[in-house]
Amino acid sequence: MQSDIKVTSPCNNHCIMNPASNYCCGCFRTIEEIIHWSVYSDEEKKQVLQKVERRKTSLTKENIN
């Protein structure tokens, strides 16, 4: 059974690229991931979202320490 639910972009309109991490400060995607988002399959989008979550966790831990 296939779902009709689309994977939505993590963009939150806080679009500033961090030169130290090369991630967007708002959504934690790379510029390549942002540019290609509209052509990614749902599976590719899910993979990006998993990376985004790991980046958020990693960068949050770095800022705490």
PDB file of N, CA and C in Angstrom:
ATOM      1  N   MET A   1       0.843  -1.179   0.000  1.00  0.00           N
ATOM      2  CA  MET A   1       0.000   0.000   0.000  1.00  0.00           C
ATOM      3  C   MET A   1       0.892   1.249   0.000  1.00  0.00           C
ATOM      4  N   GLN A   2       0.675   2.109  -0.952  1.00  0.00           N
ATOM      5  CA  GLN A   2       1.504   3.313  -1.082  1.00  0.00           C
ATOM      6  C   GLN A   2       0.770   4.515  -0.499  1.00  0.00           C
ATOM      7  N   SER A   3       1.503   5.354   0.186  1.00  0.00           N
ATOM      8  CA  SER A   3       0.921   6.529   0.823  1.00  0.00           C
ATOM      9  C   SER A   3       0.959   7.715  -0.124  1.00  0.00           C
ATOM     10  N   ASP A   4      -0.092   8.523  -0.089  1.00  0.00           N
ATOM     11  CA  ASP A   4      -0.149   9.739  -0.899  1.00  0.00           C
ATOM     12  C   ASP A   4       0.396  10.944  -0.147  1.00  0.00           C
ATOM     13  N   ILE A   5       0.908  10.725   1.048  1.00  0.00           N
ATOM     14  CA  ILE A   5       1.436  11.815   1.855  1.00  0.00           C
ATOM     15  C   ILE A   5       2.789  12.235   1.286  1.00  0.00           C
ATOM     16  N   LYS A   6       2.919  13.515   0.997  1.00  0.00           N
ATOM     17  CA  LYS A   6       4.169  14.054   0.459  1.00  0.00           C
ATOM     18  C   LYS A   6       5.104  14.437   1.597  1.00  0.00           C
ATOM     19  N   VAL A   7       6.387  14.293   1.338  1.00  0.00           N
ATOM     20  CA  VAL A   7       7.409  14.692   2.306  1.00  0.00           C
ATOM     21  C   VAL A   7       7.595  16.199   2.148  1.00  0.00           C
ATOM     22  N   THR A   8       7.375  16.939   3.216  1.00  0.00           N
ATOM     23  CA  THR A   8       7.460  18.393   3.136  1.00  0.00           C
ATOM     24  C   THR A   8       8.858  18.897   3.458  1.00  0.00           C
ATOM     25  N   SER A   9       9.157  20.033   2.914  1.00  0.00           N
ATOM     26  CA  SER A   9      10.463  20.669   3.112  1.00  0.00           C
ATOM     27  C   SER A   9      10.619  21.124   4.564  1.00  0.00           C
ATOM     28  N   PRO A  10      11.827  21.011   5.108  1.00  0.00           N
ATOM     29  CA  PRO A  10      12.069  21.492   6.468  1.00  0.00           C
ATOM     30  C   PRO A  10      12.319  23.004   6.524  1.00  0.00           C
ATOM     31  N   CYS A  11      12.225  23.677   5.375  1.00  0.00           N
ATOM     32  CA  CYS A  11      12.487  25.120   5.327  1.00  0.00           C
ATOM     33  C   CYS A  11      11.563  25.866   6.288  1.00  0.00           C
ATOM     34  N   ASN A  12      12.149  26.780   7.061  1.00  0.00           N
ATOM     35  CA  ASN A  12      11.362  27.604   7.973  1.00  0.00           C
ATOM     36  C   ASN A  12      11.611  29.096   7.725  1.00  0.00           C
ATOM     37  N   ASN A  13      12.084  29.405   6.510  1.00  0.00           N
ATOM     38  CA  ASN A  13      12.319  30.786   6.071  1.00  0.00           C
ATOM     39  C   ASN A  13      13.345  31.542   6.916  1.00  0.00           C
ATOM     40  N   HIS A  14      14.295  30.818   7.458  1.00  0.00           N
ATOM     41  CA  HIS A  14      15.422  31.416   8.174  1.00  0.00           C
ATOM     42  C   HIS A  14      16.675  31.040   7.388  1.00  0.00           C
ATOM     43  N   CYS A  15      16.728  31.532   6.157  1.00  0.00           N
ATOM     44  CA  CYS A  15      17.695  31.067   5.161  1.00  0.00           C
ATOM     45  C   CYS A  15      19.000  31.854   5.223  1.00  0.00           C
ATOM     46  N   ILE A  16      19.919  31.336   6.026  1.00  0.00           N
ATOM     47  CA  ILE A  16      21.257  31.908   6.135  1.00  0.00           C
ATOM     48  C   ILE A  16      22.228  30.738   6.167  1.00  0.00           C
ATOM     49  N   MET A  17      23.155  30.714   5.226  1.00  0.00           N
ATOM     50  CA  MET A  17      24.125  29.630   5.200  1.00  0.00           C
ATOM     51  C   MET A  17      25.252  29.920   6.196  1.00  0.00           C
ATOM     52  N   ASN A  18      25.520  28.951   7.052  1.00  0.00           N
ATOM     53  CA  ASN A  18      26.594  29.060   8.031  1.00  0.00           C
ATOM     54  C   ASN A  18      27.895  28.662   7.343  1.00  0.00           C
ATOM     55  N   PRO A  19      28.847  29.577   7.201  1.00  0.00           N
ATOM     56  CA  PRO A  19      30.088  29.249   6.496  1.00  0.00           C
ATOM     57  C   PRO A  19      30.957  28.211   7.223  1.00  0.00           C
ATOM     58  N   ALA A  20      30.788  28.079   8.511  1.00  0.00           N
ATOM     59  CA  ALA A  20      31.583  27.115   9.267  1.00  0.00           C
ATOM     60  C   ALA A  20      31.085  25.680   9.044  1.00  0.00           C
ATOM     61  N   SER A  21      29.773  25.504   8.980  1.00  0.00           N
ATOM     62  CA  SER A  21      29.215  24.158   8.835  1.00  0.00           C
ATOM     63  C   SER A  21      28.746  23.846   7.414  1.00  0.00           C
ATOM     64  N   ASN A  22      28.538  24.893   6.608  1.00  0.00           N
ATOM     65  CA  ASN A  22      27.958  24.764   5.273  1.00  0.00           C
ATOM     66  C   ASN A  22      26.519  24.274   5.303  1.00  0.00           C
ATOM     67  N   TYR A  23      25.844  24.488   6.417  1.00  0.00           N
ATOM     68  CA  TYR A  23      24.428  24.162   6.560  1.00  0.00           C
ATOM     69  C   TYR A  23      23.631  25.445   6.693  1.00  0.00           C
ATOM     70  N   CYS A  24      22.374  25.388   6.244  1.00  0.00           N
ATOM     71  CA  CYS A  24      21.469  26.510   6.459  1.00  0.00           C
ATOM     72  C   CYS A  24      21.174  26.597   7.960  1.00  0.00           C
ATOM     73  N   CYS A  25      21.206  27.792   8.500  1.00  0.00           N
ATOM     74  CA  CYS A  25      20.934  27.989   9.931  1.00  0.00           C
ATOM     75  C   CYS A  25      19.480  27.666  10.284  1.00  0.00           C
ATOM     76  N   GLY A  26      18.597  27.734   9.298  1.00  0.00           N
ATOM     77  CA  GLY A  26      17.183  27.472   9.558  1.00  0.00           C
ATOM     78  C   GLY A  26      16.795  26.012   9.458  1.00  0.00           C
ATOM     79  N   CYS A  27      17.251  25.339   8.395  1.00  0.00           N
ATOM     80  CA  CYS A  27      16.780  23.971   8.151  1.00  0.00           C
ATOM     81  C   CYS A  27      17.875  22.917   8.219  1.00  0.00           C
ATOM     82  N   PHE A  28      19.123  23.332   8.358  1.00  0.00           N
ATOM     83  CA  PHE A  28      20.269  22.427   8.487  1.00  0.00           C
ATOM     84  C   PHE A  28      20.544  21.588   7.238  1.00  0.00           C
ATOM     85  N   ARG A  29      20.074  22.068   6.080  1.00  0.00           N
ATOM     86  CA  ARG A  29      20.408  21.383   4.827  1.00  0.00           C
ATOM     87  C   ARG A  29      21.598  22.073   4.177  1.00  0.00           C
ATOM     88  N   THR A  30      22.300  21.328   3.319  1.00  0.00           N
ATOM     89  CA  THR A  30      23.366  21.920   2.521  1.00  0.00           C
ATOM     90  C   THR A  30      22.730  22.667   1.355  1.00  0.00           C
ATOM     91  N   ILE A  31      23.492  23.523   0.696  1.00  0.00           N
ATOM     92  CA  ILE A  31      22.963  24.248  -0.449  1.00  0.00           C
ATOM     93  C   ILE A  31      22.548  23.273  -1.547  1.00  0.00           C
ATOM     94  N   GLU A  32      23.289  22.188  -1.724  1.00  0.00           N
ATOM     95  CA  GLU A  32      22.938  21.180  -2.728  1.00  0.00           C
ATOM     96  C   GLU A  32      21.603  20.521  -2.406  1.00  0.00           C
ATOM     97  N   GLU A  33      21.386  20.213  -1.138  1.00  0.00           N
ATOM     98  CA  GLU A  33      20.120  19.598  -0.733  1.00  0.00           C
ATOM     99  C   GLU A  33      18.953  20.556  -0.939  1.00  0.00           C
ATOM    100  N   ILE A  34      19.182  21.828  -0.676  1.00  0.00           N
ATOM    101  CA  ILE A  34      18.137  22.834  -0.875  1.00  0.00           C
ATOM    102  C   ILE A  34      17.813  22.960  -2.358  1.00  0.00           C
ATOM    103  N   ILE A  35      18.841  23.079  -3.175  1.00  0.00           N
ATOM    104  CA  ILE A  35      18.651  23.266  -4.615  1.00  0.00           C
ATOM    105  C   ILE A  35      17.923  22.073  -5.235  1.00  0.00           C
ATOM    106  N   HIS A  36      18.268  20.866  -4.825  1.00  0.00           N
ATOM    107  CA  HIS A  36      17.720  19.666  -5.454  1.00  0.00           C
ATOM    108  C   HIS A  36      16.446  19.134  -4.803  1.00  0.00           C
ATOM    109  N   TRP A  37      15.989  19.759  -3.732  1.00  0.00           N
ATOM    110  CA  TRP A  37      14.839  19.251  -2.989  1.00  0.00           C
ATOM    111  C   TRP A  37      13.646  18.954  -3.888  1.00  0.00           C
ATOM    112  N   SER A  38      13.344  19.838  -4.806  1.00  0.00           N
ATOM    113  CA  SER A  38      12.131  19.686  -5.627  1.00  0.00           C
ATOM    114  C   SER A  38      12.213  18.509  -6.605  1.00  0.00           C
ATOM    115  N   VAL A  39      13.403  18.005  -6.873  1.00  0.00           N
ATOM    116  CA  VAL A  39      13.525  16.873  -7.788  1.00  0.00           C
ATOM    117  C   VAL A  39      13.847  15.564  -7.069  1.00  0.00           C
ATOM    118  N   TYR A  40      14.077  15.625  -5.767  1.00  0.00           N
ATOM    119  CA  TYR A  40      14.328  14.408  -5.006  1.00  0.00           C
ATOM    120  C   TYR A  40      13.057  13.565  -4.927  1.00  0.00           C
ATOM    121  N   SER A  41      13.238  12.268  -4.906  1.00  0.00           N
ATOM    122  CA  SER A  41      12.119  11.361  -4.647  1.00  0.00           C
ATOM    123  C   SER A  41      11.757  11.479  -3.164  1.00  0.00           C
ATOM    124  N   ASP A  42      10.617  10.938  -2.783  1.00  0.00           N
ATOM    125  CA  ASP A  42      10.243  10.971  -1.369  1.00  0.00           C
ATOM    126  C   ASP A  42      11.277  10.232  -0.515  1.00  0.00           C
ATOM    127  N   GLU A  43      11.830   9.151  -1.036  1.00  0.00           N
ATOM    128  CA  GLU A  43      12.852   8.402  -0.284  1.00  0.00           C
ATOM    129  C   GLU A  43      14.101   9.254  -0.083  1.00  0.00           C
ATOM    130  N   GLU A  44      14.518   9.967  -1.120  1.00  0.00           N
ATOM    131  CA  GLU A  44      15.687  10.842  -0.996  1.00  0.00           C
ATOM    132  C   GLU A  44      15.415  11.969  -0.002  1.00  0.00           C
ATOM    133  N   LYS A  45      14.207  12.507  -0.025  1.00  0.00           N
ATOM    134  CA  LYS A  45      13.835  13.565   0.922  1.00  0.00           C
ATOM    135  C   LYS A  45      13.880  13.036   2.352  1.00  0.00           C
ATOM    136  N   LYS A  46      13.403  11.815   2.563  1.00  0.00           N
ATOM    137  CA  LYS A  46      13.441  11.217   3.896  1.00  0.00           C
ATOM    138  C   LYS A  46      14.883  11.041   4.371  1.00  0.00           C
ATOM    139  N   GLN A  47      15.766  10.664   3.453  1.00  0.00           N
ATOM    140  CA  GLN A  47      17.180  10.519   3.802  1.00  0.00           C
ATOM    141  C   GLN A  47      17.774  11.863   4.205  1.00  0.00           C
ATOM    142  N   VAL A  48      17.419  12.923   3.483  1.00  0.00           N
ATOM    143  CA  VAL A  48      17.894  14.266   3.834  1.00  0.00           C
ATOM    144  C   VAL A  48      17.366  14.653   5.208  1.00  0.00           C
ATOM    145  N   LEU A  49      16.101  14.384   5.470  1.00  0.00           N
ATOM    146  CA  LEU A  49      15.519  14.736   6.768  1.00  0.00           C
ATOM    147  C   LEU A  49      16.213  13.995   7.914  1.00  0.00           C
ATOM    148  N   GLN A  50      16.628  12.755   7.668  1.00  0.00           N
ATOM    149  CA  GLN A  50      17.375  12.016   8.690  1.00  0.00           C
ATOM    150  C   GLN A  50      18.732  12.684   8.947  1.00  0.00           C
ATOM    151  N   LYS A  51      19.383  13.110   7.883  1.00  0.00           N
ATOM    152  CA  LYS A  51      20.656  13.827   8.024  1.00  0.00           C
ATOM    153  C   LYS A  51      20.456  15.130   8.798  1.00  0.00           C
ATOM    154  N   VAL A  52      19.369  15.829   8.481  1.00  0.00           N
ATOM    155  CA  VAL A  52      19.053  17.095   9.149  1.00  0.00           C
ATOM    156  C   VAL A  52      18.925  16.869  10.652  1.00  0.00           C
ATOM    157  N   GLU A  53      18.228  15.829  11.046  1.00  0.00           N
ATOM    158  CA  GLU A  53      18.052  15.551  12.475  1.00  0.00           C
ATOM    159  C   GLU A  53      19.390  15.258  13.148  1.00  0.00           C
ATOM    160  N   ARG A  54      20.243  14.493  12.492  1.00  0.00           N
ATOM    161  CA  ARG A  54      21.574  14.206  13.063  1.00  0.00           C
ATOM    162  C   ARG A  54      22.392  15.491  13.186  1.00  0.00           C
ATOM    163  N   ARG A  55      22.307  16.354  12.177  1.00  0.00           N
ATOM    164  CA  ARG A  55      23.048  17.624  12.217  1.00  0.00           C
ATOM    165  C   ARG A  55      22.560  18.498  13.358  1.00  0.00           C
ATOM    166  N   LYS A  56      21.254  18.587  13.518  1.00  0.00           N
ATOM    167  CA  LYS A  56      20.694  19.401  14.612  1.00  0.00           C
ATOM    168  C   LYS A  56      21.204  18.900  15.946  1.00  0.00           C
ATOM    169  N   THR A  57      21.151  17.607  16.144  1.00  0.00           N
ATOM    170  CA  THR A  57      21.595  17.005  17.402  1.00  0.00           C
ATOM    171  C   THR A  57      23.075  17.265  17.624  1.00  0.00           C
ATOM    172  N   SER A  58      23.872  17.049  16.595  1.00  0.00           N
ATOM    173  CA  SER A  58      25.315  17.241  16.685  1.00  0.00           C
ATOM    174  C   SER A  58      25.671  18.685  16.986  1.00  0.00           C
ATOM    175  N   LEU A  59      25.079  19.610  16.263  1.00  0.00           N
ATOM    176  CA  LEU A  59      25.405  21.025  16.446  1.00  0.00           C
ATOM    177  C   LEU A  59      24.881  21.535  17.785  1.00  0.00           C
ATOM    178  N   THR A  60      23.752  21.027  18.235  1.00  0.00           N
ATOM    179  CA  THR A  60      23.227  21.426  19.540  1.00  0.00           C
ATOM    180  C   THR A  60      24.159  20.968  20.653  1.00  0.00           C
ATOM    181  N   LYS A  61      24.658  19.724  20.543  1.00  0.00           N
ATOM    182  CA  LYS A  61      25.598  19.208  21.547  1.00  0.00           C
ATOM    183  C   LYS A  61      26.884  20.025  21.563  1.00  0.00           C
ATOM    184  N   GLU A  62      27.352  20.415  20.388  1.00  0.00           N
ATOM    185  CA  GLU A  62      28.580  21.222  20.310  1.00  0.00           C
ATOM    186  C   GLU A  62      28.384  22.585  20.974  1.00  0.00           C
ATOM    187  N   ASN A  63      27.207  23.171  20.824  1.00  0.00           N
ATOM    188  CA  ASN A  63      26.932  24.489  21.398  1.00  0.00           C
ATOM    189  C   ASN A  63      26.757  24.438  22.894  1.00  0.00           C
ATOM    190  N   ILE A  64      26.346  23.287  23.422  1.00  0.00           N
ATOM    191  CA  ILE A  64      26.157  23.127  24.873  1.00  0.00           C
ATOM    192  C   ILE A  64      27.521  23.006  25.548  1.00  0.00           C
ATOM    193  N   ASN A  65      28.444  22.308  24.904  1.00  0.00           N
ATOM    194  CA  ASN A  65      29.763  22.048  25.515  1.00  0.00           C
ATOM    195  C   ASN A  65      30.687  23.196  25.406  1.00  0.00           C
TER     196      ASN A  65
END
